[in-house]
Protein backbone atom coordinates (compact mmCIF):
# COMPACT_ATOMS: atom_id res chain seq x y z
CA MET A 1 -83.18 -37.59 46.20
CA ALA A 2 -81.04 -39.05 43.23
CA SER A 3 -77.34 -37.38 43.15
CA LEU A 4 -75.98 -34.36 41.00
CA LYS A 5 -74.31 -36.61 38.36
CA ALA A 6 -77.42 -38.79 37.93
CA LEU A 7 -79.79 -35.78 37.35
CA LYS A 8 -76.91 -34.59 35.06
CA ILE A 9 -76.89 -38.08 33.02
CA ARG A 10 -80.52 -37.93 32.81
CA ILE A 11 -81.00 -34.23 31.49
CA GLY A 12 -78.36 -35.03 28.82
CA SER A 13 -80.21 -38.20 27.93
CA VAL A 14 -83.71 -36.27 27.53
CA LYS A 15 -81.53 -33.40 25.40
CA SER A 16 -80.23 -36.32 23.45
CA THR A 17 -84.07 -37.33 22.50
CA GLN A 18 -85.39 -33.92 22.34
CA LYS A 19 -82.90 -33.62 19.30
CA ILE A 20 -84.16 -36.83 17.22
CA THR A 21 -87.90 -36.21 18.30
CA LYS A 22 -87.30 -32.83 16.50
CA ALA A 23 -85.46 -34.07 13.65
CA LEU A 24 -88.57 -36.54 13.43
CA ASN A 25 -90.64 -33.79 13.32
CA MET A 26 -89.42 -31.83 10.43
CA VAL A 27 -88.47 -34.69 8.32
CA ALA A 28 -92.29 -35.92 8.43
CA ALA A 29 -93.26 -31.92 8.33
CA SER A 30 -90.92 -31.82 4.93
CA LYS A 31 -92.25 -35.14 3.27
CA LEU A 32 -95.98 -34.75 4.31
CA ARG A 33 -96.60 -31.60 1.79
CA ARG A 34 -95.84 -33.91 -1.26
CA ALA A 35 -97.55 -36.96 -0.03
CA GLN A 36 -100.69 -34.72 1.09
CA GLN A 37 -100.70 -33.93 -2.47
CA ASN A 38 -100.14 -37.14 -4.01
CA ALA A 39 -103.26 -38.40 -1.62
CA THR A 40 -105.44 -35.23 -2.78
CA ALA A 41 -104.42 -35.98 -6.44
CA ALA A 42 -105.55 -39.05 -6.63
CA ARG A 43 -109.24 -39.05 -4.60
CA PRO A 44 -111.28 -37.77 -7.95
CA TYR A 45 -109.59 -40.33 -10.25
CA SER A 46 -110.42 -43.15 -7.44
CA SER A 47 -113.66 -42.24 -6.42
CA ARG A 48 -114.98 -41.57 -10.44
CA MET A 49 -113.56 -44.93 -11.17
CA THR A 50 -115.38 -46.35 -8.56
CA GLU A 51 -118.89 -44.37 -9.71
CA VAL A 52 -118.13 -46.16 -13.65
CA VAL A 53 -117.68 -49.53 -12.24
CA THR A 54 -120.65 -49.17 -9.79
CA SER A 55 -123.15 -47.64 -12.57
CA LEU A 56 -121.58 -50.28 -15.23
CA ALA A 57 -122.63 -53.08 -12.56
CA GLU A 58 -126.06 -52.03 -12.43
CA LYS A 59 -126.73 -52.61 -15.95
CA VAL A 60 -125.06 -56.43 -15.78
CA THR A 61 -127.43 -59.01 -14.32
CA PRO A 62 -125.42 -61.25 -12.54
CA GLY A 63 -124.99 -64.75 -14.16
CA PRO A 64 -122.56 -67.89 -14.67
CA GLN A 65 -120.92 -65.43 -18.08
CA SER A 66 -120.49 -62.56 -15.39
CA PRO A 67 -117.35 -61.60 -14.33
CA ARG A 68 -116.46 -63.23 -10.62
CA LEU A 69 -115.11 -60.18 -9.80
CA LEU A 70 -118.66 -58.56 -10.33
CA SER A 71 -120.94 -61.13 -9.24
CA GLY A 72 -119.16 -63.05 -6.77
CA THR A 73 -118.90 -66.40 -5.52
CA GLY A 74 -122.70 -66.64 -4.68
CA LYS A 75 -121.35 -67.04 -1.10
CA ASP A 76 -120.93 -64.83 1.98
CA ASP A 77 -119.04 -67.18 4.00
CA THR A 78 -115.16 -66.26 3.78
CA HIS A 79 -114.10 -62.69 4.35
CA LEU A 80 -110.54 -61.56 3.08
CA ILE A 81 -109.52 -58.21 4.96
CA ILE A 82 -106.55 -56.23 3.63
CA VAL A 83 -104.68 -54.40 6.28
CA ALA A 84 -102.79 -51.52 5.08
CA THR A 85 -100.54 -49.67 7.48
CA SER A 86 -96.98 -48.32 7.53
CA ASP A 87 -93.64 -50.28 8.12
CA ARG A 88 -92.60 -47.54 10.91
CA GLY A 89 -93.81 -46.74 13.93
CA LEU A 90 -93.12 -43.38 16.26
CA ALA A 91 -96.59 -42.08 14.30
CA GLY A 92 -98.66 -42.14 17.83
CA ALA A 93 -101.97 -44.15 17.60
CA PHE A 94 -102.13 -44.01 13.28
CA ASN A 95 -101.12 -47.75 13.37
CA THR A 96 -103.18 -49.09 15.99
CA ASN A 97 -106.02 -47.19 14.56
CA ILE A 98 -105.85 -49.17 11.64
CA VAL A 99 -105.83 -52.36 12.85
CA ARG A 100 -108.43 -51.90 15.38
CA ALA A 101 -110.87 -51.43 12.55
CA ALA A 102 -109.57 -54.08 11.04
CA ARG A 103 -110.03 -55.99 14.14
CA LYS A 104 -113.28 -54.69 14.20
CA LYS A 105 -114.86 -55.54 11.45
CA ALA A 106 -113.25 -59.00 12.12
CA ASP A 107 -114.82 -59.66 15.06
CA GLU A 108 -118.11 -58.79 13.89
CA LEU A 109 -117.78 -60.73 10.69
CA THR A 110 -116.87 -63.70 13.30
CA SER A 111 -119.70 -63.42 15.24
CA GLN A 112 -122.08 -63.89 12.53
CA GLY A 113 -120.40 -67.29 11.56
CA LYS A 114 -117.83 -66.00 8.69
CA ILE A 115 -114.76 -66.77 8.25
CA VAL A 116 -111.85 -64.26 8.15
CA PHE A 117 -108.38 -64.23 7.12
CA PHE A 118 -105.95 -61.37 6.78
CA TYR A 119 -103.65 -59.73 4.03
CA ILE A 120 -100.73 -57.58 5.48
CA VAL A 121 -99.58 -54.69 3.65
CA GLY A 122 -96.81 -52.96 6.00
CA ARG A 123 -94.98 -54.43 8.72
CA LYS A 124 -96.86 -52.81 11.71
CA GLY A 125 -100.07 -54.38 11.26
CA ARG A 126 -98.84 -58.16 11.89
CA PRO A 127 -97.85 -58.38 15.23
CA VAL A 128 -101.13 -57.39 17.14
CA LEU A 129 -103.02 -59.34 14.57
CA GLN A 130 -101.03 -62.56 14.95
CA ARG A 131 -101.56 -62.41 18.56
CA PHE A 132 -105.48 -62.29 18.21
CA TYR A 133 -105.20 -64.42 15.18
CA PRO A 134 -102.61 -66.55 15.02
CA LYS A 135 -104.17 -68.60 11.88
CA GLY A 136 -105.75 -65.76 10.32
CA ILE A 137 -103.31 -64.19 8.38
CA ILE A 138 -102.31 -65.62 4.97
CA ALA A 139 -99.67 -63.62 3.47
CA GLN A 140 -97.67 -59.89 3.77
CA TYR A 141 -96.61 -57.70 0.82
CA ASP A 142 -93.53 -56.37 1.52
CA THR A 143 -93.64 -52.76 1.44
CA SER A 144 -90.06 -52.32 3.33
CA GLU A 145 -88.20 -50.72 -0.23
CA MET A 146 -91.45 -48.59 -1.21
CA LYS A 147 -90.68 -44.91 -0.41
CA THR A 148 -93.00 -43.47 -2.44
CA PRO A 149 -96.12 -45.84 -3.48
CA THR A 150 -96.57 -46.43 -6.81
CA TYR A 151 -99.25 -47.68 -9.10
CA ALA A 152 -97.22 -50.72 -10.37
CA ASP A 153 -96.87 -51.71 -6.58
CA ALA A 154 -100.67 -51.45 -6.07
CA GLN A 155 -101.13 -53.46 -9.53
CA GLY A 156 -99.10 -56.16 -7.61
CA ILE A 157 -100.94 -56.43 -4.90
CA ALA A 158 -104.36 -56.20 -6.51
CA LYS A 159 -103.41 -58.93 -8.92
CA ASP A 160 -102.01 -61.09 -5.90
CA ILE A 161 -105.52 -60.62 -4.08
CA ILE A 162 -107.37 -61.30 -7.37
CA ASP A 163 -105.52 -64.74 -7.68
CA ARG A 164 -105.82 -65.45 -4.28
CA TYR A 165 -109.51 -64.35 -4.74
CA VAL A 166 -110.10 -66.91 -7.16
CA THR A 167 -108.20 -69.71 -6.52
CA ASP A 168 -108.36 -69.69 -2.66
CA GLY A 169 -112.16 -69.95 -1.75
CA ILE A 170 -112.44 -66.19 -0.77
CA ASP A 171 -116.08 -64.95 -0.71
CA VAL A 172 -115.69 -60.92 -0.12
CA VAL A 173 -112.58 -58.64 0.07
CA HIS A 174 -112.33 -55.78 2.28
CA LEU A 175 -109.72 -52.99 2.83
CA ALA A 176 -108.46 -51.21 5.75
CA TYR A 177 -106.23 -48.33 5.44
CA ALA A 178 -106.65 -44.92 7.02
CA ASN A 179 -108.31 -41.99 5.13
CA PHE A 180 -106.30 -38.57 5.86
CA ARG A 181 -108.30 -35.71 6.50
CA SER A 182 -105.90 -33.42 8.18
CA THR A 183 -102.70 -33.26 10.28
CA LEU A 184 -104.77 -34.41 13.40
CA VAL A 185 -107.64 -36.68 11.76
CA GLN A 186 -106.68 -39.97 10.04
CA GLU A 187 -109.85 -41.67 9.82
CA PRO A 188 -109.65 -45.58 9.93
CA THR A 189 -111.98 -46.96 6.97
CA VAL A 190 -112.74 -50.54 6.15
CA GLY A 191 -114.43 -51.18 2.68
CA GLN A 192 -115.38 -53.67 0.48
CA ILE A 193 -113.60 -54.16 -2.89
CA ILE A 194 -114.43 -57.52 -4.20
CA PRO A 195 -117.08 -58.08 -5.41
CA VAL A 196 -117.98 -54.65 -6.62
CA PRO A 197 -120.35 -53.59 -3.79
CA PRO A 198 -123.59 -52.03 -4.37
CA ARG A 199 -124.40 -48.17 -4.60
CA ALA A 200 -124.98 -46.62 -1.33
CA GLU A 201 -128.56 -45.85 -0.68
CA ASP A 202 -128.03 -42.22 -0.46
CA GLY A 203 -125.31 -42.64 -3.21
CA GLN A 204 -126.17 -40.77 -6.61
CA ALA A 205 -123.97 -40.30 -9.43
CA LYS A 206 -123.46 -36.33 -9.59
CA GLY A 207 -123.05 -34.12 -12.30
CA PRO A 208 -124.23 -34.32 -16.16
CA ALA A 209 -122.49 -36.98 -17.64
CA SER A 210 -124.38 -39.30 -14.94
CA LEU A 211 -127.71 -38.01 -16.48
CA ALA A 212 -127.07 -38.89 -20.22
CA ALA A 213 -127.90 -41.88 -21.72
CA ILE A 214 -124.59 -44.00 -22.41
CA GLU A 215 -123.80 -46.66 -25.24
CA TYR A 216 -121.09 -48.78 -23.95
CA GLU A 217 -118.81 -50.77 -26.97
CA PRO A 218 -118.27 -53.74 -26.16
CA ASP A 219 -120.87 -54.75 -24.09
CA GLU A 220 -120.97 -53.62 -20.22
CA GLU A 221 -119.68 -57.13 -19.52
CA ASP A 222 -116.43 -57.15 -21.45
CA ILE A 223 -115.85 -53.64 -20.53
CA LEU A 224 -116.08 -54.74 -16.78
CA ASN A 225 -113.54 -57.65 -17.31
CA ASP A 226 -110.48 -54.97 -17.89
CA LEU A 227 -112.23 -52.39 -15.74
CA ILE A 228 -112.84 -54.14 -12.49
CA PRO A 229 -109.04 -55.31 -11.90
CA ARG A 230 -107.93 -51.89 -12.99
CA ASN A 231 -110.31 -50.55 -10.51
CA ILE A 232 -109.29 -52.87 -7.46
CA ALA A 233 -105.73 -51.54 -7.95
CA VAL A 234 -106.47 -48.23 -8.03
CA GLN A 235 -108.27 -48.24 -5.14
CA ILE A 236 -105.44 -50.00 -3.26
CA TYR A 237 -102.99 -47.35 -4.56
CA ARG A 238 -105.70 -44.48 -3.01
CA ALA A 239 -105.30 -46.46 0.15
CA LEU A 240 -101.41 -46.42 0.17
CA LEU A 241 -101.36 -42.79 -0.98
CA GLU A 242 -104.07 -41.85 1.62
CA ASN A 243 -101.67 -43.91 4.42
CA GLN A 244 -98.36 -42.14 3.43
CA ALA A 245 -99.85 -38.96 4.06
CA GLY A 246 -101.49 -40.00 7.41
CA PHE A 247 -98.22 -41.77 8.48
CA TYR A 248 -96.53 -38.34 8.07
CA GLY A 249 -99.06 -36.30 9.57
CA SER A 250 -99.48 -38.33 12.57
CA GLN A 251 -95.42 -38.45 13.00
CA MET A 252 -95.46 -34.95 12.80
CA THR A 253 -97.75 -34.50 15.41
CA ALA A 254 -96.34 -37.36 17.59
CA MET A 255 -92.73 -35.81 17.79
CA ASP A 256 -93.91 -32.55 18.50
CA ASN A 257 -95.54 -33.52 21.29
CA ALA A 258 -92.47 -35.66 22.20
CA THR A 259 -90.79 -32.85 21.44
CA ARG A 260 -92.42 -30.56 24.01
CA ASN A 261 -93.17 -33.29 26.34
CA ALA A 262 -89.16 -33.35 26.55
CA GLY A 263 -88.45 -29.80 26.52
CA ASP A 264 -90.84 -29.98 30.04
CA MET A 265 -88.74 -32.70 31.60
CA ILE A 266 -85.82 -30.78 30.88
CA ASN A 267 -86.62 -27.69 33.18
CA ARG A 268 -88.26 -30.04 35.47
CA LEU A 269 -85.09 -31.89 36.11
CA THR A 270 -82.91 -28.62 35.96
CA ILE A 271 -85.02 -27.37 38.89
CA GLN A 272 -84.43 -30.27 40.60
CA TYR A 273 -80.37 -30.22 40.03
CA ASN A 274 -80.21 -26.76 41.00
CA ARG A 275 -82.21 -27.66 44.08
CA SER A 276 -80.40 -30.55 44.85
CA ARG A 277 -76.72 -28.68 44.25
CA GLN A 278 -78.15 -25.72 46.20
CA ALA A 279 -78.77 -28.12 48.98
CA ALA A 280 -75.54 -29.48 48.77
CA ILE A 281 -73.82 -26.38 49.23
CA THR A 282 -75.36 -25.62 51.76
CA THR A 283 -74.55 -28.76 53.56
CA GLU A 284 -70.80 -27.68 53.09
CA LEU A 285 -71.44 -24.43 54.01
CA VAL A 286 -73.33 -25.45 57.54
CA GLU A 287 -70.31 -28.04 57.72
CA ILE A 288 -67.75 -25.42 57.61
CA ILE A 289 -69.42 -23.17 59.63
CA SER A 290 -69.79 -25.90 62.22
CA GLY A 291 -66.05 -26.67 61.98
CA ALA A 292 -65.05 -23.30 62.38
CA GLU A 293 -67.07 -22.27 65.76
CA ALA A 294 -65.69 -25.80 66.70
CA LEU A 295 -62.24 -24.46 66.73
């Protein structure tokens, strides 16, 4: 049985940990609301931008003059997966789930004979991917100074990705991130962003505007030359916002669980401490009584 001093030290240590987890829970809860508002506000624009680009792409016949970001390279051999995670931990399985989804996609492509590379956004995705794909990581975008994602940050990432797509022989680019559903649910998502993916089989444009005949000036290809890079930046921006909201939601849940677990451990240790103390007192009393009887 542990000594009284050791138990007292351990109880104090757990209480200190509980204070830290409770503080982190409160910080995450205070930041979650704003992050959730930002992610929610970005969704309609991001979804509508994707609809517009997809609609325009369907009107263009791919050819030598078509934007490369639209028509692709004509091959499907080399894939790049952008893995967007956070820079910090203490958020449960948030980062692990994103990396697991990216790995699942990479394994699926590798089994088909494809070459897969990774572009890391955030620090937490690198250690695992480095272990499983030691030669697969081609770049990492530093987000350590990024307190709140901005569109300028997304533009910087998008420009680097587009440059690599044009010069490094990449055929398809995917984006992996966590889609924020609620405080308890962050859904890992992997989607193609380059070239422009075809409309889903059940994906139909909604709203009266999509049913009207639209004439574009200048022509569709000129618009797409400007619109596709912007759409890539918008999709990355949305992913960063979704990730931030998901991180705070996951951290709040994880720290709340940790605080309650610390409380349970403190109760168990306190009971053990009281029993040990009572046993020590009882032993001393027995020794005193035995000594008195001997006299």
